[in-house]
Structure formats: C-alpha cells, structure tokens
Amino acid sequence: MRPFAGACRISVVPLTARTARLHPGRLPAPALFVLGGASMYVGAAIAVVLFDELPPAVVAWLRLVGAAALLLAWRRPGRDAWRGRRLGLAAGFGLATALMNIAFYEAIARLPLGTAVAIEFCGPVAVAAIGSRTRRDVAALAMAALGVLLIADVQWSGSPSGVLLALTAAALWAGYIVLGKRVAGGGAGIDDLAVGLAVAAVVLSPLALRAAPVVHSPRLLLLAVGVGVLSSVVPYVLDQVVLRRAGRARFALLLALLPATASVVGLVALRQVPRALEAVGILAIVAAVLLRTREPADRPVEPPA
C-alpha cells in the first residue's frame, strides 16, 4: 500500500494467525450465510416501508440500481468484463437475480410471506436434489425441506397469480445458483456481479417510469439505497465468497439457513418468539446442514479481493 503524501504514513499490518481467522474466507459457510441472511432481512424490513409508497416491482428495481451503482464504484470492472462470453454470462446472472427479486416482491404483495417463502424454496431444494449422490444427501435434503415448510408455516391461501409468481421466483432462484457458481468459478465473481446487475438495471429501466416519487423525496431515495446495500450488495458478495468454496448442491442446501436466520432476527429485533413447529424447523435445518456430506469442491480457496 502506498503511503499518503506528506508526513502521514500508513503501515500494512501483517496477516497474523489471529487476523487470518477473522478473514471472511476463513469463516465457515454457515456463518457467512447467517451474516448475509441477517443483512438481507434488515433490508427486507426497509422494503416493507417502501411498499406503502411504491409498487413492489419498482422497489426491486431501485434495490437493483443501488446495488449496481455501489458495486461498480467499488470494483470498477476492466474492459474484459464488458465483452464476449464473460459479459453474456454476467448479464444472464444479473437478469436472473433481478427478475427473482421482482417476482418475489410481487408474490409477497399477493400471498402471505410464509407461503411465498416456502414455495420459493422449491428452487434451491431442487438444485440440491439434482446434485445429490448418496442416501445421506437425500436424507439431508428431505430434512431441510421439512424444516423450511415448518418455519414458513405454509398456508394454502392466496391468488393463483401470487402462486405463479412465487414459482417463477423459485425457478429464477435455481438459475441464480447455477449461474452464480459459473460466475464465481471464473475468478472475478464480484466484478462480474457488478456488471451483471448493471446490465439488468438497464434492461429493466422501463420500471423507472413508475419511480417518480423517489425523485422528489430524498427519504425514499435513501431508503432505496439502503435496501440495495443490505439486501443485495452484502448478501450477494458473501454468496460469491461461498460459491467459490462450495459445490452447487451444498450451497443450495445452506440457503435453507435463511428462514432460520429470519426467525432469529425476528426474535431479537421484533420479539417474535418462534412457535413449537418453527423451533422444530430450525433444528431440522441445522441437522440437515450437519448431515450433508462434504464434496471436493468444498475445500477453501482464496476468495475474491
């Protein structure tokens, strides 16, 4: 690191054994998911406030724009990231991510949140099932699916359009996992994530026509940026770190930790005490994560800078 001009200088602290343990790449995958999930649900709480003044799809687009702008300013992807096959893969990943968020926001505007979450989890569970190889894997997947259903407290009420939107979000979530692994495997996952979200923001820019209230309200703009940072930047960057260390099947299974994280956040922040079935669901998901066999791809590798 270069020192600042003038008398003030900065010395680089060596990466000791103690500081290495604090590096995100050294944390276990479940811990990274807890951090990402907590950030995601704080962002969701802000999004609920915006739903009172903006359509759900517009909130999702503003979240996308805020995340793309911050990632581009931070990473500044080089020219290679904006052309050829790499650009196409990043664009597909970004669109899958953006459309997944839009479909889910529209679904929870029509269905109870628990129902939409349970339906959406069909996506990652399906990816994990395809990647399974042993009976132990299948048992872990079944336990995770059971835990998700118990936590979500599925209710078979709601409009057909809401169910369709939730199923669409599930399919896009599966695409996010598959494409995300390929993007992360390219070695510049966060740069390509920034490019992908930027492309998706441009493609979906017609939604900006319904975002007029934000132009005249700094408060709404600040809330939208907050949603983008908490619900997109933080969890998606952590996803890229984990995707480089885990196989698609294990990553999809670990996503089942998100409902458990939401229950803990609700308990601490909102004093929402889990019911008996929800507590059993949390234990089932934790047991599924512990039961899942490790794959060769699970070996830690150096994460993106």
C-alpha atoms as a PDB file:
ATOM      1  CA  MET A   1       0.000   0.000   0.000  1.00  0.00           C
ATOM      2  CA  ARG A   2       1.342   3.396  -0.921  1.00  0.00           C
ATOM      3  CA  PRO A   3       1.691   5.954   1.892  1.00  0.00           C
ATOM      4  CA  PHE A   4      -0.309   9.158   1.776  1.00  0.00           C
ATOM      5  CA  ALA A   5       1.559  12.250   0.590  1.00  0.00           C
ATOM      6  CA  GLY A   6       3.036  14.402   3.323  1.00  0.00           C
ATOM      7  CA  ALA A   7       4.004  13.432   6.836  1.00  0.00           C
ATOM      8  CA  CYS A   8       1.191  10.925   7.427  1.00  0.00           C
ATOM      9  CA  ARG A   9       2.099   7.344   6.521  1.00  0.00           C
ATOM     10  CA  ILE A  10       0.225   4.068   6.709  1.00  0.00           C
ATOM     11  CA  SER A  11       1.920   0.800   7.588  1.00  0.00           C
ATOM     12  CA  VAL A  12       0.459  -2.508   6.477  1.00  0.00           C
ATOM     13  CA  VAL A  13      -0.286  -4.888   9.340  1.00  0.00           C
ATOM     14  CA  PRO A  14       0.886  -8.444   8.568  1.00  0.00           C
ATOM     15  CA  LEU A  15      -1.809 -11.116   8.324  1.00  0.00           C
ATOM     16  CA  THR A  16      -1.126 -12.974  11.549  1.00  0.00           C
ATOM     17  CA  ALA A  17      -2.734 -16.225  12.586  1.00  0.00           C
ATOM     18  CA  ARG A  18      -5.220 -14.286  14.669  1.00  0.00           C
ATOM     19  CA  THR A  19      -6.251 -11.847  11.949  1.00  0.00           C
ATOM     20  CA  ALA A  20      -6.455 -14.664   9.398  1.00  0.00           C
ATOM     21  CA  ARG A  21      -9.185 -16.261  11.441  1.00  0.00           C
ATOM     22  CA  LEU A  22     -11.217 -13.071  11.053  1.00  0.00           C
ATOM     23  CA  HIS A  23     -10.951 -13.040   7.254  1.00  0.00           C
ATOM     24  CA  PRO A  24     -14.313 -13.788   5.558  1.00  0.00           C
ATOM     25  CA  GLY A  25     -12.676 -16.517   3.536  1.00  0.00           C
ATOM     26  CA  ARG A  26     -11.738 -18.312   6.783  1.00  0.00           C
ATOM     27  CA  LEU A  27     -15.240 -18.277   8.241  1.00  0.00           C
ATOM     28  CA  PRO A  28     -17.330 -21.430   7.769  1.00  0.00           C
ATOM     29  CA  ALA A  29     -20.029 -21.265   5.110  1.00  0.00           C
ATOM     30  CA  PRO A  30     -22.943 -21.387   7.609  1.00  0.00           C
ATOM     31  CA  ALA A  31     -21.514 -18.354   9.442  1.00  0.00           C
ATOM     32  CA  LEU A  32     -21.311 -16.391   6.183  1.00  0.00           C
ATOM     33  CA  PHE A  33     -24.921 -17.292   5.442  1.00  0.00           C
ATOM     34  CA  VAL A  34     -26.039 -16.078   8.845  1.00  0.00           C
ATOM     35  CA  LEU A  35     -24.321 -12.728   8.221  1.00  0.00           C
ATOM     36  CA  GLY A  36     -25.777 -12.429   4.735  1.00  0.00           C
ATOM     37  CA  GLY A  37     -29.219 -13.514   5.893  1.00  0.00           C
ATOM     38  CA  ALA A  38     -29.292 -11.006   8.738  1.00  0.00           C
ATOM     39  CA  SER A  39     -28.390  -8.216   6.321  1.00  0.00           C
ATOM     40  CA  MET A  40     -30.987  -9.420   3.831  1.00  0.00           C
ATOM     41  CA  TYR A  41     -33.825  -9.379   6.350  1.00  0.00           C
ATOM     42  CA  VAL A  42     -32.939  -5.947   7.678  1.00  0.00           C
ATOM     43  CA  GLY A  43     -33.142  -4.779   4.058  1.00  0.00           C
ATOM     44  CA  ALA A  44     -36.488  -6.549   3.705  1.00  0.00           C
ATOM     45  CA  ALA A  45     -37.810  -4.586   6.688  1.00  0.00           C
ATOM     46  CA  ILE A  46     -36.891  -1.366   4.885  1.00  0.00           C
ATOM     47  CA  ALA A  47     -38.531  -2.648   1.694  1.00  0.00           C
ATOM     48  CA  VAL A  48     -41.798  -3.176   3.599  1.00  0.00           C
ATOM     49  CA  VAL A  49     -41.788   0.535   4.426  1.00  0.00           C
ATOM     50  CA  LEU A  50     -41.325   1.381   0.739  1.00  0.00           C
ATOM     51  CA  PHE A  51     -44.219  -0.884  -0.292  1.00  0.00           C
ATOM     52  CA  ASP A  52     -46.595   1.697   1.192  1.00  0.00           C
ATOM     53  CA  GLU A  53     -45.462   4.300  -1.340  1.00  0.00           C
ATOM     54  CA  LEU A  54     -44.086   2.405  -4.343  1.00  0.00           C
ATOM     55  CA  PRO A  55     -45.090  -0.726  -6.306  1.00  0.00           C
ATOM     56  CA  PRO A  56     -43.131  -3.855  -5.317  1.00  0.00           C
ATOM     57  CA  ALA A  57     -41.504  -4.171  -8.767  1.00  0.00           C
ATOM     58  CA  VAL A  58     -40.251  -0.588  -8.550  1.00  0.00           C
ATOM     59  CA  VAL A  59     -38.802  -1.241  -5.090  1.00  0.00           C
ATOM     60  CA  ALA A  60     -36.991  -4.271  -6.509  1.00  0.00           C
ATOM     61  CA  TRP A  61     -35.625  -2.207  -9.412  1.00  0.00           C
ATOM     62  CA  LEU A  62     -34.432   0.578  -7.104  1.00  0.00           C
ATOM     63  CA  ARG A  63     -32.732  -2.064  -4.985  1.00  0.00           C
ATOM     64  CA  LEU A  64     -31.037  -3.317  -8.142  1.00  0.00           C
ATOM     65  CA  VAL A  65     -29.900   0.150  -9.240  1.00  0.00           C
ATOM     66  CA  GLY A  66     -28.496   0.997  -5.816  1.00  0.00           C
ATOM     67  CA  ALA A  67     -26.581  -2.267  -5.625  1.00  0.00           C
ATOM     68  CA  ALA A  68     -25.228  -1.952  -9.180  1.00  0.00           C
ATOM     69  CA  ALA A  69     -24.079   1.644  -8.668  1.00  0.00           C
ATOM     70  CA  LEU A  70     -22.243   0.855  -5.436  1.00  0.00           C
ATOM     71  CA  LEU A  71     -20.590  -2.286  -6.805  1.00  0.00           C
ATOM     72  CA  LEU A  72     -19.445  -0.501  -9.970  1.00  0.00           C
ATOM     73  CA  ALA A  73     -17.990   2.365  -7.950  1.00  0.00           C
ATOM     74  CA  TRP A  74     -16.208  -0.107  -5.679  1.00  0.00           C
ATOM     75  CA  ARG A  75     -14.933  -2.684  -8.166  1.00  0.00           C
ATOM     76  CA  ARG A  76     -14.552  -0.673 -11.406  1.00  0.00           C
ATOM     77  CA  PRO A  77     -14.524  -3.767 -13.660  1.00  0.00           C
ATOM     78  CA  GLY A  78     -11.998  -3.692 -16.513  1.00  0.00           C
ATOM     79  CA  ARG A  79     -12.745  -3.820 -20.240  1.00  0.00           C
ATOM     80  CA  ASP A  80     -12.624  -7.606 -20.382  1.00  0.00           C
ATOM     81  CA  ALA A  81     -15.661  -7.758 -18.090  1.00  0.00           C
ATOM     82  CA  TRP A  82     -17.772  -5.861 -20.643  1.00  0.00           C
ATOM     83  CA  ARG A  83     -17.368  -8.054 -23.708  1.00  0.00           C
ATOM     84  CA  GLY A  84     -17.612 -11.529 -25.088  1.00  0.00           C
ATOM     85  CA  ARG A  85     -18.770 -14.647 -23.309  1.00  0.00           C
ATOM     86  CA  ARG A  86     -17.904 -13.208 -19.924  1.00  0.00           C
ATOM     87  CA  LEU A  87     -20.334 -10.330 -20.447  1.00  0.00           C
ATOM     88  CA  GLY A  88     -23.062 -12.713 -21.599  1.00  0.00           C
ATOM     89  CA  LEU A  89     -22.695 -14.922 -18.542  1.00  0.00           C
ATOM     90  CA  ALA A  90     -22.646 -11.937 -16.190  1.00  0.00           C
ATOM     91  CA  ALA A  91     -25.728 -10.468 -17.893  1.00  0.00           C
ATOM     92  CA  GLY A  92     -27.621 -13.741 -17.529  1.00  0.00           C
ATOM     93  CA  PHE A  93     -26.685 -13.926 -13.870  1.00  0.00           C
ATOM     94  CA  GLY A  94     -27.716 -10.315 -13.285  1.00  0.00           C
ATOM     95  CA  LEU A  95     -31.065 -10.739 -15.030  1.00  0.00           C
ATOM     96  CA  ALA A  96     -31.818 -13.935 -13.115  1.00  0.00           C
ATOM     97  CA  THR A  97     -31.044 -12.111  -9.880  1.00  0.00           C
ATOM     98  CA  ALA A  98     -33.145  -9.054 -10.747  1.00  0.00           C
ATOM     99  CA  LEU A  99     -36.149 -10.998 -12.030  1.00  0.00           C
ATOM    100  CA  MET A 100     -36.015 -13.290  -8.996  1.00  0.00           C
ATOM    101  CA  ASN A 101     -36.289 -10.277  -6.691  1.00  0.00           C
ATOM    102  CA  ILE A 102     -39.093  -8.708  -8.724  1.00  0.00           C
ATOM    103  CA  ALA A 103     -41.094 -11.947  -8.837  1.00  0.00           C
ATOM    104  CA  PHE A 104     -40.665 -12.489  -5.100  1.00  0.00           C
ATOM    105  CA  TYR A 105     -41.629  -8.909  -4.173  1.00  0.00           C
ATOM    106  CA  GLU A 106     -44.740  -9.192  -6.355  1.00  0.00           C
ATOM    107  CA  ALA A 107     -45.549 -12.585  -4.813  1.00  0.00           C
ATOM    108  CA  ILE A 108     -45.425 -11.333  -1.227  1.00  0.00           C
ATOM    109  CA  ALA A 109     -47.736  -8.500  -2.261  1.00  0.00           C
ATOM    110  CA  ARG A 110     -50.354 -11.178  -3.089  1.00  0.00           C
ATOM    111  CA  LEU A 111     -49.549 -14.065  -0.739  1.00  0.00           C
ATOM    112  CA  PRO A 112     -48.666 -14.389   2.942  1.00  0.00           C
ATOM    113  CA  LEU A 113     -44.905 -14.136   3.350  1.00  0.00           C
ATOM    114  CA  GLY A 114     -44.624 -17.644   4.781  1.00  0.00           C
ATOM    115  CA  THR A 115     -46.406 -19.158   1.795  1.00  0.00           C
ATOM    116  CA  ALA A 116     -44.261 -17.294  -0.726  1.00  0.00           C
ATOM    117  CA  VAL A 117     -41.034 -18.238   1.080  1.00  0.00           C
ATOM    118  CA  ALA A 118     -41.994 -21.918   1.207  1.00  0.00           C
ATOM    119  CA  ILE A 119     -42.855 -22.009  -2.500  1.00  0.00           C
ATOM    120  CA  GLU A 120     -39.700 -20.127  -3.470  1.00  0.00           C
ATOM    121  CA  PHE A 121     -37.537 -22.632  -1.637  1.00  0.00           C
ATOM    122  CA  CYS A 122     -38.570 -25.256  -4.188  1.00  0.00           C
ATOM    123  CA  GLY A 123     -35.818 -23.768  -6.376  1.00  0.00           C
ATOM    124  CA  PRO A 124     -32.738 -24.311  -4.202  1.00  0.00           C
ATOM    125  CA  VAL A 125     -34.079 -27.614  -2.889  1.00  0.00           C
ATOM    126  CA  ALA A 126     -34.432 -28.836  -6.480  1.00  0.00           C
ATOM    127  CA  VAL A 127     -30.836 -27.812  -7.268  1.00  0.00           C
ATOM    128  CA  ALA A 128     -29.622 -29.626  -4.183  1.00  0.00           C
ATOM    129  CA  ALA A 129     -31.621 -32.744  -5.120  1.00  0.00           C
ATOM    130  CA  ILE A 130     -30.069 -32.814  -8.589  1.00  0.00           C
ATOM    131  CA  GLY A 131     -26.611 -32.548  -7.051  1.00  0.00           C
ATOM    132  CA  SER A 132     -27.195 -35.325  -4.514  1.00  0.00           C
ATOM    133  CA  ARG A 133     -25.197 -38.558  -4.775  1.00  0.00           C
ATOM    134  CA  THR A 134     -25.838 -40.583  -1.624  1.00  0.00           C
ATOM    135  CA  ARG A 135     -28.711 -41.600   0.616  1.00  0.00           C
ATOM    136  CA  ARG A 136     -27.249 -39.360   3.273  1.00  0.00           C
ATOM    137  CA  ASP A 137     -27.559 -36.399   0.906  1.00  0.00           C
ATOM    138  CA  VAL A 138     -31.174 -37.277   0.141  1.00  0.00           C
ATOM    139  CA  ALA A 139     -31.975 -37.557   3.844  1.00  0.00           C
ATOM    140  CA  ALA A 140     -30.377 -34.168   4.485  1.00  0.00           C
ATOM    141  CA  LEU A 141     -32.396 -32.607   1.676  1.00  0.00           C
ATOM    142  CA  ALA A 142     -35.628 -34.096   2.981  1.00  0.00           C
ATOM    143  CA  MET A 143     -34.865 -32.781   6.463  1.00  0.00           C
ATOM    144  CA  ALA A 144     -34.078 -29.312   5.093  1.00  0.00           C
ATOM    145  CA  ALA A 145     -37.289 -29.254   3.072  1.00  0.00           C
ATOM    146  CA  LEU A 146     -39.272 -30.286   6.143  1.00  0.00           C
ATOM    147  CA  GLY A 147     -37.612 -27.577   8.213  1.00  0.00           C
ATOM    148  CA  VAL A 148     -38.363 -24.911   5.628  1.00  0.00           C
ATOM    149  CA  LEU A 149     -42.015 -25.926   5.480  1.00  0.00           C
ATOM    150  CA  LEU A 150     -42.343 -25.877   9.264  1.00  0.00           C
ATOM    151  CA  ILE A 151     -40.741 -22.436   9.607  1.00  0.00           C
ATOM    152  CA  ALA A 152     -42.682 -20.949   6.724  1.00  0.00           C
ATOM    153  CA  ASP A 153     -45.961 -22.236   8.169  1.00  0.00           C
ATOM    154  CA  VAL A 154     -47.378 -22.747   4.707  1.00  0.00           C
ATOM    155  CA  GLN A 155     -50.912 -21.577   4.108  1.00  0.00           C
ATOM    156  CA  TRP A 156     -52.728 -22.696   1.019  1.00  0.00           C
ATOM    157  CA  SER A 157     -54.493 -19.392   0.546  1.00  0.00           C
ATOM    158  CA  GLY A 158     -53.836 -16.586  -1.882  1.00  0.00           C
ATOM    159  CA  SER A 159     -54.370 -15.776  -5.516  1.00  0.00           C
ATOM    160  CA  PRO A 160     -53.316 -18.031  -8.408  1.00  0.00           C
ATOM    161  CA  SER A 161     -51.185 -15.199  -9.776  1.00  0.00           C
ATOM    162  CA  GLY A 162     -49.331 -15.000  -6.463  1.00  0.00           C
ATOM    163  CA  VAL A 163     -48.578 -18.729  -6.539  1.00  0.00           C
ATOM    164  CA  LEU A 164     -47.388 -18.431 -10.137  1.00  0.00           C
ATOM    165  CA  LEU A 165     -45.110 -15.528  -9.237  1.00  0.00           C
ATOM    166  CA  ALA A 166     -43.672 -17.442  -6.274  1.00  0.00           C
ATOM    167  CA  LEU A 167     -42.983 -20.460  -8.508  1.00  0.00           C
ATOM    168  CA  THR A 168     -41.311 -18.116 -11.002  1.00  0.00           C
ATOM    169  CA  ALA A 169     -39.127 -16.776  -8.201  1.00  0.00           C
ATOM    170  CA  ALA A 170     -38.236 -20.378  -7.274  1.00  0.00           C
ATOM    171  CA  ALA A 171     -37.154 -21.193 -10.835  1.00  0.00           C
ATOM    172  CA  LEU A 172     -35.103 -17.987 -11.030  1.00  0.00           C
ATOM    173  CA  TRP A 173     -33.508 -18.777  -7.676  1.00  0.00           C
ATOM    174  CA  ALA A 174     -32.370 -22.105  -9.090  1.00  0.00           C
ATOM    175  CA  GLY A 175     -30.932 -20.233 -12.082  1.00  0.00           C
ATOM    176  CA  TYR A 176     -29.195 -17.814  -9.728  1.00  0.00           C
ATOM    177  CA  ILE A 177     -27.427 -20.721  -8.004  1.00  0.00           C
ATOM    178  CA  VAL A 178     -26.340 -22.419 -11.242  1.00  0.00           C
ATOM    179  CA  LEU A 179     -25.181 -19.228 -12.975  1.00  0.00           C
ATOM    180  CA  GLY A 180     -23.682 -17.861  -9.770  1.00  0.00           C
ATOM    181  CA  LYS A 181     -21.411 -20.884  -9.456  1.00  0.00           C
ATOM    182  CA  ARG A 182     -20.135 -20.386 -13.004  1.00  0.00           C
ATOM    183  CA  VAL A 183     -19.577 -16.665 -12.430  1.00  0.00           C
ATOM    184  CA  ALA A 184     -17.756 -17.305  -9.157  1.00  0.00           C
ATOM    185  CA  GLY A 185     -15.646 -20.025 -10.769  1.00  0.00           C
ATOM    186  CA  GLY A 186     -14.321 -17.513 -13.301  1.00  0.00           C
ATOM    187  CA  GLY A 187     -12.187 -15.903 -10.616  1.00  0.00           C
ATOM    188  CA  ALA A 188     -13.736 -12.410 -10.813  1.00  0.00           C
ATOM    189  CA  GLY A 189     -17.141 -13.091  -9.319  1.00  0.00           C
ATOM    190  CA  ILE A 190     -17.751  -9.729  -7.666  1.00  0.00           C
ATOM    191  CA  ASP A 191     -16.641  -7.795 -10.760  1.00  0.00           C
ATOM    192  CA  ASP A 192     -18.969  -9.864 -12.945  1.00  0.00           C
ATOM    193  CA  LEU A 193     -21.728  -9.452 -10.376  1.00  0.00           C
ATOM    194  CA  ALA A 194     -21.381  -5.672 -10.687  1.00  0.00           C
ATOM    195  CA  VAL A 195     -21.520  -5.895 -14.482  1.00  0.00           C
ATOM    196  CA  GLY A 196     -24.488  -8.264 -14.412  1.00  0.00           C
ATOM    197  CA  LEU A 197     -26.538  -6.082 -12.080  1.00  0.00           C
ATOM    198  CA  ALA A 198     -25.724  -3.005 -14.182  1.00  0.00           C
ATOM    199  CA  VAL A 199     -26.907  -4.747 -17.367  1.00  0.00           C
ATOM    200  CA  ALA A 200     -30.084  -5.903 -15.628  1.00  0.00           C
ATOM    201  CA  ALA A 201     -30.753  -2.379 -14.341  1.00  0.00           C
ATOM    202  CA  VAL A 202     -30.560  -1.026 -17.902  1.00  0.00           C
ATOM    203  CA  VAL A 203     -32.718  -3.805 -19.393  1.00  0.00           C
ATOM    204  CA  LEU A 204     -35.390  -3.260 -16.723  1.00  0.00           C
ATOM    205  CA  SER A 205     -35.137   0.549 -16.811  1.00  0.00           C
ATOM    206  CA  PRO A 206     -38.762   0.980 -18.042  1.00  0.00           C
ATOM    207  CA  LEU A 207     -39.728   0.392 -14.406  1.00  0.00           C
ATOM    208  CA  ALA A 208     -38.164   3.803 -13.691  1.00  0.00           C
ATOM    209  CA  LEU A 209     -41.281   5.396 -15.195  1.00  0.00           C
ATOM    210  CA  ARG A 210     -43.164   4.392 -12.039  1.00  0.00           C
ATOM    211  CA  ALA A 211     -40.436   5.600  -9.679  1.00  0.00           C
ATOM    212  CA  ALA A 212     -41.266   9.303  -9.951  1.00  0.00           C
ATOM    213  CA  PRO A 213     -41.974   9.753  -6.205  1.00  0.00           C
ATOM    214  CA  VAL A 214     -38.336   8.935  -5.443  1.00  0.00           C
ATOM    215  CA  VAL A 215     -37.105  11.909  -7.470  1.00  0.00           C
ATOM    216  CA  HIS A 216     -38.935  14.329  -5.176  1.00  0.00           C
ATOM    217  CA  SER A 217     -38.226  12.524  -1.903  1.00  0.00           C
ATOM    218  CA  PRO A 218     -34.664  12.215  -0.568  1.00  0.00           C
ATOM    219  CA  ARG A 219     -36.045   9.974   2.162  1.00  0.00           C
ATOM    220  CA  LEU A 220     -37.357   7.423  -0.333  1.00  0.00           C
ATOM    221  CA  LEU A 221     -34.095   7.578  -2.267  1.00  0.00           C
ATOM    222  CA  LEU A 222     -32.081   6.938   0.890  1.00  0.00           C
ATOM    223  CA  LEU A 223     -34.322   4.017   1.839  1.00  0.00           C
ATOM    224  CA  ALA A 224     -33.966   2.557  -1.657  1.00  0.00           C
ATOM    225  CA  VAL A 225     -30.172   2.753  -1.469  1.00  0.00           C
ATOM    226  CA  GLY A 226     -30.326   1.130   1.961  1.00  0.00           C
ATOM    227  CA  VAL A 227     -32.367  -1.750   0.553  1.00  0.00           C
ATOM    228  CA  GLY A 228     -29.827  -2.175  -2.241  1.00  0.00           C
ATOM    229  CA  VAL A 229     -26.862  -2.315   0.138  1.00  0.00           C
ATOM    230  CA  LEU A 230     -28.406  -4.556   2.790  1.00  0.00           C
ATOM    231  CA  SER A 231     -30.449  -6.875   0.582  1.00  0.00           C
ATOM    232  CA  SER A 232     -28.168  -7.119  -2.461  1.00  0.00           C
ATOM    233  CA  VAL A 233     -24.581  -5.933  -2.017  1.00  0.00           C
ATOM    234  CA  VAL A 234     -23.779  -7.597   1.321  1.00  0.00           C
ATOM    235  CA  PRO A 235     -25.521 -10.975   0.819  1.00  0.00           C
ATOM    236  CA  TYR A 236     -24.540 -11.352  -2.868  1.00  0.00           C
ATOM    237  CA  VAL A 237     -20.881 -10.564  -2.184  1.00  0.00           C
ATOM    238  CA  LEU A 238     -20.911 -13.172   0.582  1.00  0.00           C
ATOM    239  CA  ASP A 239     -22.578 -15.569  -1.856  1.00  0.00           C
ATOM    240  CA  GLN A 240     -19.673 -15.149  -4.250  1.00  0.00           C
ATOM    241  CA  VAL A 241     -17.199 -15.977  -1.487  1.00  0.00           C
ATOM    242  CA  VAL A 242     -19.123 -19.115  -0.508  1.00  0.00           C
ATOM    243  CA  LEU A 243     -19.816 -20.240  -4.077  1.00  0.00           C
ATOM    244  CA  ARG A 244     -16.088 -20.445  -4.736  1.00  0.00           C
ATOM    245  CA  ARG A 245     -15.696 -22.731  -1.727  1.00  0.00           C
ATOM    246  CA  ALA A 246     -18.747 -24.968  -2.080  1.00  0.00           C
ATOM    247  CA  GLY A 247     -20.482 -27.059  -4.691  1.00  0.00           C
ATOM    248  CA  ARG A 248     -23.882 -26.027  -6.035  1.00  0.00           C
ATOM    249  CA  ALA A 249     -25.699 -28.725  -4.054  1.00  0.00           C
ATOM    250  CA  ARG A 250     -24.160 -27.709  -0.720  1.00  0.00           C
ATOM    251  CA  PHE A 251     -24.715 -24.024  -1.481  1.00  0.00           C
ATOM    252  CA  ALA A 252     -28.400 -24.655  -2.233  1.00  0.00           C
ATOM    253  CA  LEU A 253     -28.792 -26.596   0.991  1.00  0.00           C
ATOM    254  CA  LEU A 254     -27.108 -23.869   3.015  1.00  0.00           C
ATOM    255  CA  LEU A 255     -29.672 -21.419   1.663  1.00  0.00           C
ATOM    256  CA  ALA A 256     -32.128 -23.242   3.901  1.00  0.00           C
ATOM    257  CA  LEU A 257     -30.427 -21.391   6.772  1.00  0.00           C
ATOM    258  CA  LEU A 258     -32.152 -18.190   5.632  1.00  0.00           C
ATOM    259  CA  PRO A 259     -35.556 -18.982   7.208  1.00  0.00           C
ATOM    260  CA  ALA A 260     -33.773 -19.942  10.418  1.00  0.00           C
ATOM    261  CA  THR A 261     -31.855 -16.654  10.320  1.00  0.00           C
ATOM    262  CA  ALA A 262     -35.118 -14.775   9.788  1.00  0.00           C
ATOM    263  CA  SER A 263     -36.588 -16.452  12.874  1.00  0.00           C
ATOM    264  CA  VAL A 264     -33.590 -15.425  14.982  1.00  0.00           C
ATOM    265  CA  VAL A 265     -33.725 -11.837  13.659  1.00  0.00           C
ATOM    266  CA  GLY A 266     -37.448 -11.742  14.445  1.00  0.00           C
ATOM    267  CA  LEU A 267     -36.793 -12.999  17.973  1.00  0.00           C
ATOM    268  CA  VAL A 268     -34.026 -10.493  18.726  1.00  0.00           C
ATOM    269  CA  ALA A 269     -35.290  -7.408  16.869  1.00  0.00           C
ATOM    270  CA  LEU A 270     -39.066  -7.858  16.904  1.00  0.00           C
ATOM    271  CA  ARG A 271     -39.603 -10.039  19.997  1.00  0.00           C
ATOM    272  CA  GLN A 272     -41.253 -12.681  17.822  1.00  0.00           C
ATOM    273  CA  VAL A 273     -40.960 -15.927  19.797  1.00  0.00           C
ATOM    274  CA  PRO A 274     -40.913 -18.957  17.458  1.00  0.00           C
ATOM    275  CA  ARG A 275     -43.784 -21.378  17.885  1.00  0.00           C
ATOM    276  CA  ALA A 276     -43.137 -25.053  18.573  1.00  0.00           C
ATOM    277  CA  LEU A 277     -43.262 -26.046  14.895  1.00  0.00           C
ATOM    278  CA  GLU A 278     -40.900 -23.218  13.938  1.00  0.00           C
ATOM    279  CA  ALA A 279     -38.406 -24.272  16.600  1.00  0.00           C
ATOM    280  CA  VAL A 280     -38.539 -27.852  15.297  1.00  0.00           C
ATOM    281  CA  GLY A 281     -37.985 -26.498  11.780  1.00  0.00           C
ATOM    282  CA  ILE A 282     -34.863 -24.604  12.853  1.00  0.00           C
ATOM    283  CA  LEU A 283     -33.439 -27.737  14.457  1.00  0.00           C
ATOM    284  CA  ALA A 284     -34.266 -29.788  11.342  1.00  0.00           C
ATOM    285  CA  ILE A 285     -32.398 -27.346   9.082  1.00  0.00           C
ATOM    286  CA  VAL A 286     -29.356 -27.221  11.344  1.00  0.00           C
ATOM    287  CA  ALA A 287     -29.323 -31.022  11.432  1.00  0.00           C
ATOM    288  CA  ALA A 288     -29.580 -31.138   7.625  1.00  0.00           C
ATOM    289  CA  VAL A 289     -26.567 -28.851   7.231  1.00  0.00           C
ATOM    290  CA  LEU A 290     -24.553 -31.021   9.614  1.00  0.00           C
ATOM    291  CA  LEU A 291     -25.688 -34.228   7.892  1.00  0.00           C
ATOM    292  CA  ARG A 292     -24.843 -33.103   4.367  1.00  0.00           C
ATOM    293  CA  THR A 293     -21.661 -34.751   3.062  1.00  0.00           C
ATOM    294  CA  ARG A 294     -18.705 -32.612   2.035  1.00  0.00           C
ATOM    295  CA  GLU A 295     -17.643 -32.511  -1.600  1.00  0.00           C
ATOM    296  CA  PRO A 296     -14.171 -31.984  -3.096  1.00  0.00           C
ATOM    297  CA  ALA A 297     -15.268 -28.513  -4.192  1.00  0.00           C
ATOM    298  CA  ASP A 298     -15.857 -27.614  -0.559  1.00  0.00           C
ATOM    299  CA  ARG A 299     -12.123 -27.105   0.059  1.00  0.00           C
ATOM    300  CA  PRO A 300     -11.446 -23.461   0.946  1.00  0.00           C
ATOM    301  CA  VAL A 301      -9.903 -21.341  -1.758  1.00  0.00           C
ATOM    302  CA  GLU A 302      -8.779 -17.753  -1.704  1.00  0.00           C
ATOM    303  CA  PRO A 303     -11.896 -15.569  -2.145  1.00  0.00           C
ATOM    304  CA  PRO A 304     -12.070 -12.516  -4.428  1.00  0.00           C
ATOM    305  CA  ALA A 305     -10.313  -9.400  -3.187  1.00  0.00           C
END
